[in-house]
Amino acid sequence: MKRTNLTATIDRLGYLKAQIAALKIEEDAIKESLSDLAVGNYEGEAFRLAVTAPKRETLSDELKASIKAVVADYRDGLSPQYRTAHIKLVPVPTLTVRARSGVALAA
């Protein structure tokens, strides 16, 4: 990739992530304003909103801690040979984009 293409691509990714963050804030606010709607279907001009309330299991903090302890005990009991044979370290590309200080970003 040419240097000018790389620069433009990095900046485009940064601007896009900033827009996504702003949209996420707006989405959360809209969802909060709709959170008191009863279960049912609601019509907009272009979209339909379906409000459902399925039941889901939630684990207590006590159970989460117990599960974590069981997993930790199990892993501690594995031999170094087993761990070496079954646990691999692999590179995981991670992209972190931050605005450069002193650079004004258009809204």
Protein backbone atom coordinates (compact mmCIF):
# COMPACT_ATOMS: atom_id res chain seq x y z
CA MET A 1 0.00 0.00 0.00
CA LYS A 2 1.35 3.42 -0.92
CA ARG A 3 2.13 5.79 1.92
CA THR A 4 -0.56 8.27 0.80
CA ASN A 5 -3.11 5.44 0.63
CA LEU A 6 -2.06 4.25 4.09
CA THR A 7 -2.44 7.74 5.57
CA ALA A 8 -5.89 8.18 4.01
CA THR A 9 -6.98 4.70 5.09
CA ILE A 10 -5.86 5.27 8.69
CA ASP A 11 -7.68 8.59 8.83
CA ARG A 12 -10.80 7.08 7.26
CA LEU A 13 -10.82 4.32 9.88
CA GLY A 14 -10.44 6.89 12.66
CA TYR A 15 -13.26 9.07 11.36
CA LEU A 16 -15.47 6.01 10.87
CA LYS A 17 -14.84 4.77 14.44
CA ALA A 18 -15.67 8.26 15.77
CA GLN A 19 -18.95 8.26 13.82
CA ILE A 20 -19.79 4.77 15.10
CA ALA A 21 -19.17 5.89 18.69
CA ALA A 22 -21.45 8.91 18.21
CA LEU A 23 -24.13 6.73 16.62
CA LYS A 24 -23.89 4.22 19.48
CA ILE A 25 -24.52 7.02 22.00
CA GLU A 26 -27.54 8.15 19.97
CA GLU A 27 -28.82 4.57 19.63
CA ASP A 28 -28.55 3.99 23.38
CA ALA A 29 -30.46 7.20 24.10
CA ILE A 30 -33.25 6.27 21.68
CA LYS A 31 -33.50 2.74 23.10
CA GLU A 32 -33.72 4.21 26.60
CA SER A 33 -36.56 6.51 25.48
CA LEU A 34 -38.42 3.46 24.10
CA SER A 35 -37.71 1.17 27.04
CA ASP A 36 -41.09 1.70 28.71
CA LEU A 37 -43.10 0.44 25.69
CA ALA A 38 -45.23 -2.63 26.31
CA VAL A 39 -44.60 -5.85 24.40
CA GLY A 40 -45.98 -5.55 20.88
CA ASN A 41 -45.35 -4.16 17.40
CA TYR A 42 -45.08 -0.47 16.63
CA GLU A 43 -45.05 1.21 13.22
CA GLY A 44 -42.81 3.98 11.98
CA GLU A 45 -42.89 5.52 8.51
CA ALA A 46 -40.14 3.24 7.17
CA PHE A 47 -39.55 0.68 9.92
CA ARG A 48 -41.45 -1.56 12.32
CA LEU A 49 -40.36 -1.98 15.94
CA ALA A 50 -41.03 -5.29 17.66
CA VAL A 51 -40.80 -5.20 21.45
CA THR A 52 -40.38 -8.61 23.05
CA ALA A 53 -39.55 -9.72 26.57
CA PRO A 54 -38.05 -13.21 26.43
CA LYS A 55 -36.98 -14.84 29.68
CA ARG A 56 -33.25 -15.39 30.02
CA GLU A 57 -31.18 -16.98 32.71
CA THR A 58 -28.87 -14.70 34.61
CA LEU A 59 -26.17 -16.10 36.82
CA SER A 60 -25.72 -14.76 40.34
CA ASP A 61 -22.34 -13.31 41.23
CA GLU A 62 -21.87 -16.23 43.63
CA LEU A 63 -22.39 -18.80 40.86
CA LYS A 64 -20.10 -16.89 38.48
CA ALA A 65 -17.37 -16.92 41.14
CA SER A 66 -17.88 -20.66 41.72
CA ILE A 67 -17.62 -21.42 38.01
CA LYS A 68 -14.49 -19.28 37.72
CA ALA A 69 -12.93 -21.14 40.66
CA VAL A 70 -13.73 -24.55 39.12
CA VAL A 71 -12.17 -23.52 35.80
CA ALA A 72 -9.09 -22.12 37.55
CA ASP A 73 -8.68 -25.34 39.57
CA TYR A 74 -9.04 -27.42 36.41
CA ARG A 75 -6.46 -25.39 34.52
CA ASP A 76 -4.06 -25.50 37.47
CA GLY A 77 -4.33 -29.29 37.41
CA LEU A 78 -3.18 -29.58 33.79
CA SER A 79 0.38 -30.76 33.30
CA PRO A 80 2.86 -28.45 31.55
CA GLN A 81 3.11 -31.02 28.74
CA TYR A 82 -0.66 -31.04 28.20
CA ARG A 83 -0.78 -27.24 28.25
CA THR A 84 2.12 -27.05 25.78
CA ALA A 85 0.41 -29.53 23.45
CA HIS A 86 -3.03 -27.87 23.54
CA ILE A 87 -2.53 -24.18 24.20
CA LYS A 88 -0.92 -22.20 21.42
CA LEU A 89 0.07 -18.56 21.40
CA VAL A 90 -0.96 -17.00 18.12
CA PRO A 91 -0.59 -13.43 16.91
CA VAL A 92 -3.88 -11.54 16.95
CA PRO A 93 -3.85 -8.35 14.86
CA THR A 94 -5.29 -5.51 16.92
CA LEU A 95 -5.98 -2.07 15.46
CA THR A 96 -6.17 0.86 17.87
CA VAL A 97 -7.05 4.23 16.37
CA ARG A 98 -6.67 7.45 18.34
CA ALA A 99 -7.01 11.06 17.29
CA ARG A 100 -3.68 12.82 17.05
CA SER A 101 -3.25 15.58 19.60
CA GLY A 102 -3.41 19.04 18.17
CA VAL A 103 -5.45 17.94 15.16
CA ALA A 104 -8.94 19.43 14.96
CA LEU A 105 -11.56 16.89 13.87
CA ALA A 106 -14.61 18.05 11.98
CA ALA A 107 -17.90 17.09 13.60
